[in-house]
N, C-alpha and C. Protein backbone atom coordinates (compact mmCIF):
# COMPACT_ATOMS: atom_id res chain seq x y z
N MET A 1 42.25 -99.65 -100.32
CA MET A 1 40.71 -98.96 -100.29
C MET A 1 40.00 -98.30 -98.95
N SER A 2 40.07 -96.65 -98.58
CA SER A 2 39.23 -96.63 -97.79
C SER A 2 37.71 -96.72 -97.71
N GLU A 3 37.30 -96.94 -96.34
CA GLU A 3 35.76 -96.69 -96.52
C GLU A 3 35.26 -96.02 -96.83
N ALA A 4 33.86 -95.65 -97.00
CA ALA A 4 33.14 -94.62 -96.99
C ALA A 4 32.67 -94.44 -95.95
N ARG A 5 32.16 -93.16 -94.98
CA ARG A 5 31.37 -92.78 -93.92
C ARG A 5 30.55 -92.33 -94.32
N PRO A 6 29.37 -92.57 -94.21
CA PRO A 6 27.98 -91.73 -94.04
C PRO A 6 28.21 -90.54 -93.43
N PRO A 7 27.12 -89.82 -93.28
CA PRO A 7 26.76 -88.73 -92.59
C PRO A 7 26.14 -89.24 -90.85
N ASP A 8 25.76 -90.37 -90.34
CA ASP A 8 25.61 -91.07 -89.57
C ASP A 8 27.01 -91.23 -88.85
N GLY A 9 28.24 -91.49 -89.77
CA GLY A 9 28.75 -92.31 -89.04
C GLY A 9 29.34 -93.88 -88.86
N ASP A 10 27.98 -94.27 -89.22
CA ASP A 10 28.37 -95.71 -89.93
C ASP A 10 28.90 -96.24 -90.63
N VAL A 11 30.24 -96.91 -90.78
CA VAL A 11 30.89 -97.21 -91.89
C VAL A 11 30.50 -98.30 -92.60
N VAL A 12 30.15 -97.99 -94.16
CA VAL A 12 29.53 -98.99 -95.19
C VAL A 12 30.59 -99.73 -96.04
N PRO A 13 30.37 -101.03 -95.71
CA PRO A 13 31.61 -101.78 -96.59
C PRO A 13 31.57 -101.58 -98.34
N PRO A 14 32.69 -101.38 -98.77
CA PRO A 14 32.89 -101.68 -100.54
C PRO A 14 31.72 -102.70 -101.07
N PRO A 15 31.31 -102.22 -102.26
CA PRO A 15 30.00 -103.23 -102.83
C PRO A 15 31.17 -104.40 -103.17
N SER A 16 30.62 -105.46 -102.95
CA SER A 16 30.80 -107.22 -102.79
C SER A 16 30.43 -107.58 -103.68
N GLY A 17 30.37 -109.11 -104.58
CA GLY A 17 30.01 -110.11 -105.63
C GLY A 17 29.48 -109.45 -106.36
N LEU A 18 27.68 -109.23 -106.96
CA LEU A 18 27.72 -108.54 -108.02
C LEU A 18 27.29 -108.02 -108.24
N GLU A 19 27.54 -106.74 -107.41
CA GLU A 19 27.04 -105.28 -107.47
C GLU A 19 28.83 -104.75 -107.03
N ALA A 20 29.95 -105.26 -107.13
CA ALA A 20 31.78 -104.77 -106.99
C ALA A 20 31.47 -105.41 -108.50
N VAL A 21 30.76 -106.27 -109.35
CA VAL A 21 31.05 -106.80 -110.74
C VAL A 21 30.41 -106.03 -111.85
N TYR A 22 28.90 -105.06 -111.12
CA TYR A 22 28.30 -104.35 -111.88
C TYR A 22 28.98 -103.35 -112.23
N LEU A 23 28.98 -102.39 -110.73
CA LEU A 23 30.37 -101.24 -111.02
C LEU A 23 31.46 -101.33 -111.81
N ALA A 24 31.97 -102.34 -111.79
CA ALA A 24 33.53 -102.44 -112.62
C ALA A 24 32.81 -102.36 -114.02
N HIS A 25 31.64 -102.78 -114.42
CA HIS A 25 31.79 -103.45 -115.83
C HIS A 25 30.30 -102.27 -116.04
N ARG A 26 30.36 -101.45 -115.46
CA ARG A 26 28.47 -100.44 -115.88
C ARG A 26 28.60 -100.48 -117.44
N GLN A 27 30.06 -99.63 -117.98
CA GLN A 27 29.97 -99.06 -119.20
C GLN A 27 29.82 -100.24 -120.09
N VAL A 28 30.14 -101.16 -119.50
CA VAL A 28 30.26 -102.43 -120.75
C VAL A 28 29.02 -102.47 -121.40
N LEU A 29 28.08 -103.04 -119.54
CA LEU A 29 26.44 -103.49 -119.84
C LEU A 29 26.00 -102.25 -120.90
N LEU A 30 25.74 -100.91 -120.53
CA LEU A 30 25.30 -100.23 -121.49
C LEU A 30 26.05 -100.10 -122.72
N ARG A 31 27.16 -100.63 -123.17
CA ARG A 31 27.75 -100.63 -124.37
C ARG A 31 26.67 -102.07 -125.36
N PHE A 32 26.97 -102.85 -124.27
CA PHE A 32 25.54 -104.30 -124.91
C PHE A 32 24.42 -103.73 -125.00
N LEU A 33 23.93 -103.24 -123.93
CA LEU A 33 22.04 -103.41 -124.40
C LEU A 33 22.45 -102.04 -125.47
N ARG A 34 23.28 -100.82 -125.48
CA ARG A 34 22.48 -100.22 -126.92
C ARG A 34 22.81 -101.43 -127.97
N ALA A 35 24.16 -101.87 -128.09
CA ALA A 35 24.00 -102.97 -129.33
C ALA A 35 23.40 -103.65 -129.51
N ARG A 36 22.50 -103.43 -128.17
CA ARG A 36 21.14 -104.68 -128.70
C ARG A 36 20.14 -104.43 -129.34
N GLY A 37 19.69 -102.99 -129.22
CA GLY A 37 18.52 -102.41 -129.60
C GLY A 37 18.06 -101.14 -128.46
N ALA A 38 18.95 -101.02 -127.45
CA ALA A 38 18.16 -100.34 -126.36
C ALA A 38 18.16 -98.88 -126.73
N GLY A 39 19.13 -98.54 -127.44
CA GLY A 39 19.27 -97.00 -127.15
C GLY A 39 19.70 -96.77 -126.48
N ASP A 40 18.73 -95.25 -126.52
CA ASP A 40 18.68 -94.42 -125.07
C ASP A 40 18.04 -95.24 -123.91
N ARG A 41 17.52 -95.98 -124.08
CA ARG A 41 16.78 -97.00 -123.45
C ARG A 41 17.92 -97.44 -122.25
N ALA A 42 19.17 -97.76 -122.45
CA ALA A 42 20.50 -98.31 -121.91
C ALA A 42 19.94 -98.34 -120.64
N GLU A 43 20.57 -96.56 -120.86
CA GLU A 43 20.68 -96.12 -119.37
C GLU A 43 20.04 -96.57 -118.05
N ASP A 44 18.42 -95.89 -118.70
CA ASP A 44 17.67 -96.62 -117.65
C ASP A 44 17.27 -98.07 -117.39
N LEU A 45 17.81 -98.64 -118.52
CA LEU A 45 17.44 -100.30 -118.01
C LEU A 45 18.56 -100.98 -117.12
N VAL A 46 20.20 -99.99 -117.81
CA VAL A 46 20.80 -100.42 -116.72
C VAL A 46 20.43 -100.04 -114.89
N GLN A 47 20.39 -98.73 -114.42
CA GLN A 47 19.60 -98.35 -113.72
C GLN A 47 18.87 -99.61 -112.84
N GLU A 48 17.54 -100.26 -113.48
CA GLU A 48 16.93 -100.72 -113.18
C GLU A 48 17.45 -102.10 -112.75
N LEU A 49 18.49 -102.52 -113.72
CA LEU A 49 19.02 -103.60 -112.78
C LEU A 49 19.91 -103.62 -111.59
N TRP A 50 20.52 -102.35 -111.61
CA TRP A 50 21.15 -102.03 -110.24
C TRP A 50 20.35 -102.16 -109.28
N LEU A 51 19.29 -101.54 -109.22
CA LEU A 51 18.03 -101.47 -108.43
C LEU A 51 17.80 -102.90 -107.93
N ARG A 52 17.54 -103.49 -108.96
CA ARG A 52 17.32 -105.09 -108.61
C ARG A 52 18.42 -105.91 -107.95
N LEU A 53 19.70 -105.63 -108.74
CA LEU A 53 20.32 -105.91 -107.37
C LEU A 53 20.89 -106.21 -106.57
N VAL A 54 20.69 -104.60 -105.80
CA VAL A 54 20.83 -104.32 -104.57
C VAL A 54 18.88 -104.59 -103.89
N SER A 55 18.38 -104.83 -103.68
CA SER A 55 17.11 -104.70 -103.61
C SER A 55 17.05 -106.90 -103.01
N THR A 56 17.11 -107.13 -104.29
CA THR A 56 17.16 -108.79 -104.02
C THR A 56 18.65 -109.82 -103.74
N PRO A 57 18.05 -109.96 -102.71
CA PRO A 57 19.66 -111.05 -102.59
C PRO A 57 19.74 -112.57 -103.26
N THR A 58 20.95 -112.68 -103.34
CA THR A 58 21.30 -113.73 -104.61
C THR A 58 22.02 -114.45 -103.99
N GLY A 59 22.47 -115.87 -104.65
CA GLY A 59 23.24 -116.67 -103.74
C GLY A 59 24.46 -116.22 -104.71
N PRO A 60 25.87 -117.18 -104.39
CA PRO A 60 26.51 -116.87 -105.43
C PRO A 60 26.57 -117.19 -106.68
N VAL A 61 26.98 -116.41 -107.57
CA VAL A 61 27.10 -116.69 -109.06
C VAL A 61 28.24 -117.09 -109.69
N VAL A 62 28.46 -118.63 -110.00
CA VAL A 62 29.61 -118.52 -110.65
C VAL A 62 30.35 -117.76 -111.83
N ASP A 63 29.21 -116.86 -112.85
CA ASP A 63 29.89 -116.21 -113.54
C ASP A 63 29.11 -114.84 -113.63
N PRO A 64 29.51 -114.51 -112.63
CA PRO A 64 28.62 -112.92 -112.63
C PRO A 64 28.27 -112.22 -113.53
N LEU A 65 29.57 -111.69 -114.67
CA LEU A 65 29.25 -111.08 -115.38
C LEU A 65 28.59 -111.45 -116.51
N ASN A 66 28.59 -113.26 -116.71
CA ASN A 66 27.71 -113.41 -118.08
C ASN A 66 26.33 -113.63 -117.26
N TYR A 67 25.91 -113.41 -116.14
CA TYR A 67 24.78 -113.29 -115.32
C TYR A 67 23.91 -111.44 -115.45
N LEU A 68 25.17 -111.07 -115.13
CA LEU A 68 24.42 -109.70 -115.63
C LEU A 68 24.23 -109.11 -116.68
N PHE A 69 25.08 -109.85 -117.89
CA PHE A 69 24.31 -109.68 -119.48
C PHE A 69 23.19 -110.56 -119.41
N ARG A 70 23.22 -111.51 -118.89
CA ARG A 70 22.04 -112.22 -119.19
C ARG A 70 20.73 -111.51 -118.26
N ALA A 71 20.56 -110.80 -117.39
CA ALA A 71 19.77 -109.98 -116.56
C ALA A 71 19.67 -108.84 -117.64
N ALA A 72 20.67 -107.91 -118.25
CA ALA A 72 20.05 -107.12 -118.53
C ALA A 72 19.31 -107.20 -119.75
N ASN A 73 19.84 -108.05 -120.64
CA ASN A 73 19.26 -108.59 -121.83
C ASN A 73 17.87 -108.55 -121.82
N ASN A 74 17.26 -109.63 -120.18
CA ASN A 74 16.21 -109.99 -120.23
C ASN A 74 14.85 -108.70 -119.96
N LEU A 75 15.73 -108.13 -119.04
CA LEU A 75 15.31 -106.59 -118.98
C LEU A 75 14.68 -105.51 -120.12
N MET A 76 15.67 -105.82 -120.77
CA MET A 76 15.68 -105.40 -122.24
C MET A 76 14.66 -105.55 -123.11
N LEU A 77 14.59 -107.16 -123.15
CA LEU A 77 13.55 -107.88 -123.96
C LEU A 77 12.20 -107.25 -123.49
N ASN A 78 11.96 -107.27 -121.64
CA ASN A 78 10.72 -106.98 -121.31
C ASN A 78 9.53 -106.04 -121.24
N ARG A 79 11.07 -105.02 -121.59
CA ARG A 79 10.42 -103.75 -121.41
C ARG A 79 10.05 -103.36 -123.25
N PHE A 80 10.35 -104.41 -123.87
CA PHE A 80 10.18 -104.30 -125.32
C PHE A 80 9.18 -105.00 -125.74
N ARG A 81 9.01 -105.91 -124.65
CA ARG A 81 7.40 -106.87 -125.02
C ARG A 81 6.90 -105.93 -124.60
N SER A 82 6.39 -104.99 -123.59
CA SER A 82 5.89 -104.73 -122.60
C SER A 82 5.81 -102.98 -123.14
N GLU A 83 6.21 -102.56 -124.06
CA GLU A 83 5.93 -101.34 -124.88
C GLU A 83 5.17 -101.91 -125.93
N LYS A 84 5.33 -102.88 -126.39
CA LYS A 84 4.60 -103.43 -127.90
C LYS A 84 3.00 -103.59 -127.14
N ARG A 85 2.45 -104.18 -125.85
CA ARG A 85 1.92 -104.54 -125.25
C ARG A 85 0.87 -103.33 -125.43
N ASP A 86 1.53 -102.35 -124.64
CA ASP A 86 1.22 -100.94 -124.51
C ASP A 86 0.41 -100.24 -125.57
N GLU A 87 1.72 -99.90 -127.19
CA GLU A 87 1.02 -99.98 -128.28
C GLU A 87 -0.09 -100.18 -129.07
N ALA A 88 -0.15 -101.97 -128.44
CA ALA A 88 -1.40 -102.57 -129.14
C ALA A 88 -2.62 -101.52 -127.88
N ARG A 89 -2.46 -101.89 -127.01
CA ARG A 89 -3.43 -101.86 -126.45
C ARG A 89 -4.33 -100.10 -126.73
N ASP A 90 -3.16 -99.33 -126.98
CA ASP A 90 -3.70 -97.91 -126.48
C ASP A 90 -4.16 -97.82 -128.28
N GLU A 91 -3.48 -98.75 -129.15
CA GLU A 91 -4.64 -98.13 -130.63
C GLU A 91 -5.33 -99.43 -131.05
N ALA A 92 -6.07 -99.93 -130.11
CA ALA A 92 -6.72 -100.44 -129.89
C ALA A 92 -8.04 -99.70 -129.18
N TRP A 93 -7.74 -99.00 -127.81
CA TRP A 93 -8.19 -98.25 -127.42
C TRP A 93 -9.02 -96.88 -128.40
N THR A 94 -7.81 -96.66 -129.28
CA THR A 94 -8.02 -95.69 -130.15
C THR A 94 -9.24 -95.79 -131.23
N ASP A 95 -8.62 -97.15 -131.83
CA ASP A 95 -10.12 -97.30 -132.91
C ASP A 95 -11.08 -97.66 -132.40
N VAL A 96 -11.53 -98.27 -131.53
CA VAL A 96 -12.92 -98.06 -130.53
C VAL A 96 -13.03 -96.69 -130.37
N HIS A 97 -12.55 -95.76 -129.50
CA HIS A 97 -13.22 -94.31 -129.59
C HIS A 97 -13.40 -93.82 -130.80
N ARG A 98 -12.36 -94.08 -131.42
CA ARG A 98 -12.57 -93.49 -133.14
C ARG A 98 -13.89 -93.54 -133.50
N SER A 99 -14.19 -94.85 -133.73
CA SER A 99 -15.20 -95.05 -134.08
C SER A 99 -16.92 -94.86 -133.79
N MET A 100 -16.76 -94.64 -132.40
CA MET A 100 -17.71 -94.60 -131.42
C MET A 100 -18.32 -93.22 -131.91
N PRO A 101 -20.03 -93.13 -131.80
CA PRO A 101 -20.41 -91.64 -132.31
C PRO A 101 -20.11 -90.62 -130.96
N ASP A 102 -20.61 -89.42 -132.04
CA ASP A 102 -20.27 -88.11 -130.28
C ASP A 102 -21.08 -88.29 -129.66
N SER A 103 -22.50 -88.20 -129.85
CA SER A 103 -23.62 -88.07 -128.81
C SER A 103 -24.32 -89.69 -128.95
N PRO A 104 -24.86 -89.41 -127.93
CA PRO A 104 -25.81 -90.58 -127.22
C PRO A 104 -27.36 -90.69 -128.07
N ALA A 105 -27.94 -89.73 -129.03
CA ALA A 105 -28.47 -89.70 -129.92
C ALA A 105 -28.05 -90.24 -131.42
N GLU A 106 -26.71 -89.82 -131.75
CA GLU A 106 -25.99 -90.52 -132.90
C GLU A 106 -25.94 -92.49 -132.60
N ALA A 107 -25.62 -92.33 -131.26
CA ALA A 107 -24.96 -93.73 -130.63
C ALA A 107 -26.24 -94.49 -130.82
N ALA A 108 -27.40 -93.83 -130.52
CA ALA A 108 -28.72 -94.46 -131.01
C ALA A 108 -29.20 -94.79 -132.40
N LEU A 109 -29.17 -93.89 -132.90
CA LEU A 109 -29.30 -94.06 -134.49
C LEU A 109 -28.15 -95.12 -135.28
N VAL A 110 -27.18 -95.35 -134.61
CA VAL A 110 -25.96 -95.90 -135.43
C VAL A 110 -26.75 -97.37 -134.88
N ALA A 111 -27.02 -97.53 -133.49
CA ALA A 111 -27.09 -99.03 -132.94
C ALA A 111 -28.90 -99.64 -133.57
N ARG A 112 -29.94 -98.05 -134.23
CA ARG A 112 -30.91 -98.88 -134.97
C ARG A 112 -30.51 -99.36 -136.37
N GLN A 113 -29.37 -98.75 -136.94
CA GLN A 113 -28.94 -98.91 -137.90
C GLN A 113 -28.83 -100.59 -138.45
N GLU A 114 -27.65 -100.54 -137.16
CA GLU A 114 -26.89 -102.06 -137.10
C GLU A 114 -28.09 -103.03 -137.10
N ILE A 115 -29.50 -102.74 -136.30
CA ILE A 115 -30.12 -104.42 -136.35
C ILE A 115 -31.02 -104.12 -137.04
N ALA A 116 -31.17 -103.15 -138.03
CA ALA A 116 -32.09 -103.03 -139.12
C ALA A 116 -31.25 -104.09 -139.65
N LYS A 117 -29.87 -103.79 -140.09
CA LYS A 117 -29.16 -104.62 -141.18
C LYS A 117 -28.85 -106.48 -140.56
N ALA A 118 -28.71 -106.15 -138.98
CA ALA A 118 -28.68 -107.81 -138.71
C ALA A 118 -30.11 -108.55 -139.11
N ARG A 119 -31.33 -107.60 -138.94
CA ARG A 119 -32.65 -108.17 -139.28
C ARG A 119 -32.65 -108.83 -140.79
N GLN A 120 -32.37 -107.06 -141.68
CA GLN A 120 -32.30 -108.08 -142.61
C GLN A 120 -31.36 -109.12 -143.19
N ARG A 121 -30.29 -109.09 -142.79
CA ARG A 121 -29.30 -110.39 -143.18
C ARG A 121 -30.18 -112.14 -142.58
N LEU A 122 -30.71 -111.68 -141.70
CA LEU A 122 -31.43 -112.97 -140.50
C LEU A 122 -32.80 -113.09 -141.70
N THR A 123 -33.23 -112.10 -142.41
CA THR A 123 -34.77 -111.92 -142.77
C THR A 123 -34.40 -113.36 -144.22
N GLU A 124 -33.38 -112.40 -144.43
CA GLU A 124 -32.89 -113.55 -146.12
C GLU A 124 -32.21 -114.74 -144.97
N THR A 125 -32.05 -115.25 -144.33
CA THR A 125 -31.80 -116.80 -144.33
C THR A 125 -32.67 -117.64 -144.03
N GLY A 126 -34.37 -116.93 -144.39
CA GLY A 126 -35.50 -117.47 -144.24
C GLY A 126 -36.31 -117.41 -142.41
N SER A 127 -37.45 -117.62 -142.69
CA SER A 127 -38.12 -117.24 -141.82
C SER A 127 -37.90 -118.30 -140.56
N ARG A 128 -37.99 -119.36 -141.07
CA ARG A 128 -37.90 -120.29 -139.84
C ARG A 128 -36.22 -119.68 -138.84
N VAL A 129 -35.60 -119.72 -139.90
CA VAL A 129 -33.79 -119.70 -139.43
C VAL A 129 -34.23 -118.50 -138.18
N GLN A 130 -35.07 -117.52 -138.91
CA GLN A 130 -34.56 -116.05 -138.18
C GLN A 130 -35.94 -116.32 -136.89
N GLU A 131 -37.27 -116.81 -136.86
CA GLU A 131 -37.27 -117.18 -135.99
C GLU A 131 -36.58 -118.49 -134.94
N VAL A 132 -36.21 -119.00 -134.77
CA VAL A 132 -35.32 -120.14 -134.35
C VAL A 132 -34.39 -119.45 -133.84
N PHE A 133 -34.18 -118.18 -134.34
CA PHE A 133 -32.49 -117.71 -133.70
C PHE A 133 -33.74 -116.58 -132.47
N PHE A 134 -34.01 -116.15 -132.81
CA PHE A 134 -34.84 -115.16 -131.95
C PHE A 134 -35.56 -115.62 -130.92
N LEU A 135 -35.96 -117.00 -131.18
CA LEU A 135 -36.35 -117.82 -129.35
C LEU A 135 -34.77 -118.19 -128.72
N PHE A 136 -34.04 -118.70 -129.36
CA PHE A 136 -32.75 -119.20 -128.75
C PHE A 136 -32.21 -118.01 -127.75
N ARG A 137 -32.25 -117.21 -128.58
CA ARG A 137 -30.79 -115.80 -128.29
C ARG A 137 -31.86 -114.85 -127.77
N VAL A 138 -32.88 -114.35 -127.89
CA VAL A 138 -33.42 -113.48 -127.27
C VAL A 138 -35.04 -114.44 -126.04
N GLU A 139 -35.55 -115.07 -126.49
CA GLU A 139 -36.31 -115.94 -125.64
C GLU A 139 -35.71 -116.83 -124.48
N GLY A 140 -34.95 -117.31 -125.09
CA GLY A 140 -33.77 -117.76 -124.20
C GLY A 140 -34.47 -118.98 -123.74
N MET A 141 -35.21 -119.46 -125.07
CA MET A 141 -35.93 -120.92 -124.83
C MET A 141 -34.79 -122.22 -125.62
N SER A 142 -34.50 -123.29 -124.63
CA SER A 142 -33.77 -124.49 -125.53
C SER A 142 -34.20 -124.93 -126.76
N GLN A 143 -32.92 -125.36 -127.00
CA GLN A 143 -32.98 -125.67 -128.41
C GLN A 143 -33.73 -126.87 -128.79
N ARG A 144 -34.05 -127.68 -127.70
CA ARG A 144 -35.05 -128.82 -127.80
C ARG A 144 -36.60 -128.52 -127.78
N ALA A 145 -37.22 -127.36 -126.89
CA ALA A 145 -37.98 -126.69 -127.06
C ALA A 145 -38.51 -126.18 -128.14
N ILE A 146 -37.60 -125.54 -128.76
CA ILE A 146 -37.80 -124.81 -130.05
C ILE A 146 -37.88 -125.99 -131.31
N ALA A 147 -37.06 -127.26 -131.01
CA ALA A 147 -37.19 -128.37 -132.00
C ALA A 147 -38.97 -128.65 -131.89
N GLU A 148 -39.31 -129.13 -130.68
CA GLU A 148 -40.96 -129.21 -130.24
C GLU A 148 -41.92 -128.92 -130.58
N ARG A 149 -41.20 -127.77 -130.87
CA ARG A 149 -42.07 -126.12 -131.49
C ARG A 149 -42.37 -126.13 -132.89
N PHE A 150 -41.25 -126.03 -133.37
CA PHE A 150 -41.61 -126.59 -134.84
C PHE A 150 -41.66 -128.04 -135.76
N GLY A 151 -41.65 -129.26 -134.56
CA GLY A 151 -41.60 -130.58 -135.12
C GLY A 151 -40.76 -130.76 -135.94
N VAL A 152 -39.36 -130.40 -135.70
CA VAL A 152 -38.32 -130.30 -136.25
C VAL A 152 -37.33 -131.48 -135.52
N SER A 153 -35.59 -131.93 -136.03
CA SER A 153 -35.20 -132.49 -135.12
C SER A 153 -34.32 -131.34 -134.39
N LEU A 154 -33.80 -132.05 -133.21
CA LEU A 154 -32.53 -131.04 -132.44
C LEU A 154 -31.13 -130.50 -133.61
N SER A 155 -31.03 -131.60 -134.53
CA SER A 155 -29.88 -131.16 -135.12
C SER A 155 -30.58 -129.91 -136.41
N ALA A 156 -31.77 -129.90 -136.64
CA ALA A 156 -31.95 -129.05 -137.54
C ALA A 156 -32.03 -127.84 -136.82
N VAL A 157 -32.45 -127.63 -135.83
CA VAL A 157 -32.34 -126.08 -134.79
C VAL A 157 -30.98 -126.10 -134.60
N GLU A 158 -30.18 -126.73 -134.38
CA GLU A 158 -28.79 -126.26 -134.47
C GLU A 158 -27.63 -125.70 -135.61
N LYS A 159 -28.93 -126.52 -136.62
CA LYS A 159 -28.36 -125.63 -138.18
C LYS A 159 -28.79 -124.50 -138.22
N ASP A 160 -30.27 -124.21 -138.31
CA ASP A 160 -30.53 -122.87 -137.64
C ASP A 160 -29.82 -121.71 -137.23
N ILE A 161 -29.53 -122.23 -136.27
CA ILE A 161 -28.55 -121.06 -135.34
C ILE A 161 -27.12 -121.30 -135.90
N GLN A 162 -26.69 -121.87 -136.34
CA GLN A 162 -25.88 -122.05 -137.00
C GLN A 162 -25.88 -121.21 -138.33
N ARG A 163 -26.59 -121.42 -139.15
CA ARG A 163 -26.71 -120.49 -140.68
C ARG A 163 -26.59 -118.98 -139.86
N ALA A 164 -28.03 -118.73 -138.74
CA ALA A 164 -27.85 -116.95 -138.29
C ALA A 164 -26.56 -116.70 -137.74
N TYR A 165 -25.89 -117.63 -136.99
CA TYR A 165 -24.95 -116.59 -137.00
C TYR A 165 -23.80 -116.85 -137.90
N ARG A 166 -23.78 -117.53 -138.50
CA ARG A 166 -22.63 -117.12 -140.07
C ARG A 166 -23.29 -115.99 -140.59
N ALA A 167 -24.73 -115.89 -140.59
CA ALA A 167 -24.89 -114.43 -141.10
C ALA A 167 -24.56 -113.21 -141.01
N ILE A 168 -24.59 -113.60 -139.39
CA ILE A 168 -24.69 -112.11 -138.67
C ILE A 168 -22.60 -111.74 -138.48
N ALA A 169 -21.99 -113.10 -138.53
CA ALA A 169 -20.67 -113.17 -138.81
C ALA A 169 -20.50 -112.42 -139.81
N ALA A 170 -21.02 -112.56 -141.07
CA ALA A 170 -20.66 -112.32 -142.72
C ALA A 170 -20.69 -110.71 -142.54
N LEU A 171 -22.09 -109.95 -141.82
CA LEU A 171 -22.13 -108.63 -141.50
C LEU A 171 -21.36 -108.13 -141.15
N LYS A 172 -20.65 -108.62 -139.78
CA LYS A 172 -19.42 -107.90 -139.06
C LYS A 172 -18.59 -107.96 -140.00
N GLU A 173 -18.28 -108.82 -140.71
CA GLU A 173 -16.97 -108.97 -141.54
C GLU A 173 -17.03 -107.87 -142.33
N GLU A 174 -18.15 -107.79 -143.16
CA GLU A 174 -18.40 -106.40 -143.97
C GLU A 174 -18.36 -105.35 -143.83
N ALA A 175 -18.39 -105.09 -142.45
CA ALA A 175 -18.88 -103.91 -141.37
C ALA A 175 -17.29 -103.55 -141.25
N ASP A 176 -16.00 -104.51 -140.42
CA ASP A 176 -14.94 -104.26 -140.45
C ASP A 176 -14.37 -103.90 -142.09
N ALA A 177 -14.45 -104.48 -142.67
CA ALA A 177 -13.30 -104.30 -144.00
C ALA A 177 -13.59 -102.52 -144.24
């Protein structure tokens, strides 16, 4: 086999090791990836495998063809997982932006309506629950201070806060449905 000569006159040795096995079995790797579901992406995956081979030095490999099949399969799985994550992120982004109001005035109106619904739901839980919740969440008062203010136990305050959270969570579930 003659050695290739690049334009600058340096002699480039023929590929050896994993590179030689890759070049000899490139078509087999393509068929393997297509059979595993890569379809049209198989060519890109085989190219990515090549780039990784030439950029990352490896030590001796006992079964180089098996190593290449595993590496190709892992690249394919990683690509599929990445695409699924991207699709989920894009779908979530679209859902959020599709439900957003078109103007600041509309956003303010929607926010006021949601606050009114939350206040109504909290009112239905009882006046103490509503007061305890606002003191805790809005005023930032400690549960112990709230318990002393109302003359109830700390446990009663915790239960009132839980009732308020459940009421708001139910409202959110209704809105999401």
